[in-house]
Amino acid sequence: MTIEARYGAHAATLTKLTGNMLTFEGASALAPGAPVTLTGARADGTPFSIEGRTLGSHKPSAESPRFEIRVRLVNLTKPDRAWLVALFGG
């Protein structure tokens, strides 16, 4: 399952949760250690805001138009963690 979100002025697609690391796809790379806030709405319309620090960005292939970005989650609320785990496993 994927979830649509935004980081800055860019669209993002949340794709994977592994422990305390979230992976998403976006049009713009982020430098390692950069703070990032992902915002969006759940299927029921409830807004979410997820904060993290970038671990790295790369393009899966040279032809890929989007970057795969990994972030370490910080300040994640219990409801947001439960929601992410329910979506992606965890």
Protein backbone atom coordinates (compact mmCIF):
# COMPACT_ATOMS: atom_id res chain seq x y z
CA MET A 1 0.00 0.00 0.00
CA THR A 2 1.13 3.56 -0.65
CA ILE A 3 0.05 6.87 0.88
CA GLU A 4 0.25 10.26 -0.80
CA ALA A 5 1.83 13.14 1.12
CA ARG A 6 3.86 16.32 0.62
CA TYR A 7 7.29 17.48 1.75
CA GLY A 8 7.88 21.16 1.15
CA ALA A 9 6.54 21.94 -2.31
CA HIS A 10 6.96 18.35 -3.54
CA ALA A 11 4.58 15.41 -3.75
CA ALA A 12 5.63 12.24 -1.95
CA THR A 13 4.47 8.64 -1.90
CA LEU A 14 5.06 6.76 1.36
CA THR A 15 6.06 3.23 0.42
CA LYS A 16 7.62 1.31 3.32
CA LEU A 17 8.09 1.28 7.09
CA THR A 18 10.93 -0.73 8.63
CA GLY A 19 11.25 -0.24 12.37
CA ASN A 20 12.00 3.46 12.86
CA MET A 21 12.78 4.09 9.16
CA LEU A 22 10.24 5.32 6.63
CA THR A 23 10.85 5.17 2.89
CA PHE A 24 9.10 7.44 0.42
CA GLU A 25 9.43 8.52 -3.21
CA GLY A 26 9.70 12.16 -4.22
CA ALA A 27 10.81 14.45 -7.05
CA SER A 28 13.59 16.14 -5.09
CA ALA A 29 16.52 14.54 -3.23
CA LEU A 30 17.35 15.54 0.34
CA ALA A 31 20.81 15.77 1.89
CA PRO A 32 21.68 13.27 4.64
CA GLY A 33 20.69 14.62 8.04
CA ALA A 34 18.25 17.16 6.61
CA PRO A 35 15.01 17.54 8.55
CA VAL A 36 11.87 16.65 6.62
CA THR A 37 8.18 16.91 7.47
CA LEU A 38 5.70 14.81 5.52
CA THR A 39 2.11 16.04 5.60
CA GLY A 40 -1.10 14.67 4.19
CA ALA A 41 -4.42 13.12 5.07
CA ARG A 42 -5.43 9.59 5.97
CA ALA A 43 -8.20 7.80 4.07
CA ASP A 44 -10.74 9.09 6.62
CA GLY A 45 -9.60 12.69 6.06
CA THR A 46 -7.67 13.01 9.33
CA PRO A 47 -4.50 15.04 8.71
CA PHE A 48 -1.05 13.70 9.59
CA SER A 49 2.37 15.26 10.01
CA ILE A 50 5.43 13.00 10.22
CA GLU A 51 8.86 14.39 11.11
CA GLY A 52 12.16 12.75 10.28
CA ARG A 53 15.83 13.16 9.44
CA THR A 54 17.02 12.09 6.03
CA LEU A 55 19.29 9.03 5.94
CA GLY A 56 19.82 9.12 2.19
CA SER A 57 18.32 9.66 -1.25
CA HIS A 58 18.94 7.81 -4.49
CA LYS A 59 17.30 7.08 -7.83
CA PRO A 60 16.40 3.39 -8.24
CA SER A 61 17.54 3.61 -11.87
CA ALA A 62 18.98 6.25 -14.18
CA GLU A 63 15.64 6.48 -16.00
CA SER A 64 13.59 6.89 -12.84
CA PRO A 65 12.00 10.35 -12.52
CA ARG A 66 11.73 10.11 -8.72
CA PHE A 67 14.12 9.63 -5.82
CA GLU A 68 13.76 7.00 -3.12
CA ILE A 69 14.29 8.78 0.21
CA ARG A 70 14.84 7.08 3.58
CA VAL A 71 14.20 8.95 6.82
CA ARG A 72 14.67 8.14 10.49
CA LEU A 73 11.41 9.02 12.24
CA VAL A 74 11.49 11.54 15.09
CA ASN A 75 8.64 12.86 17.28
CA LEU A 76 6.21 10.23 15.95
CA THR A 77 3.00 10.10 17.98
CA LYS A 78 1.56 6.78 19.11
CA PRO A 79 -1.54 7.16 16.88
CA ASP A 80 0.64 7.93 13.83
CA ARG A 81 2.94 4.96 14.57
CA ALA A 82 -0.08 2.66 14.97
CA TRP A 83 -1.51 3.96 11.69
CA LEU A 84 1.78 3.41 9.81
CA VAL A 85 2.25 -0.07 11.28
CA ALA A 86 -1.33 -0.98 10.30
CA LEU A 87 -0.61 0.15 6.73
CA PHE A 88 2.88 -1.24 6.19
CA GLY A 89 3.45 -3.73 8.97
CA GLY A 90 6.28 -2.96 11.17
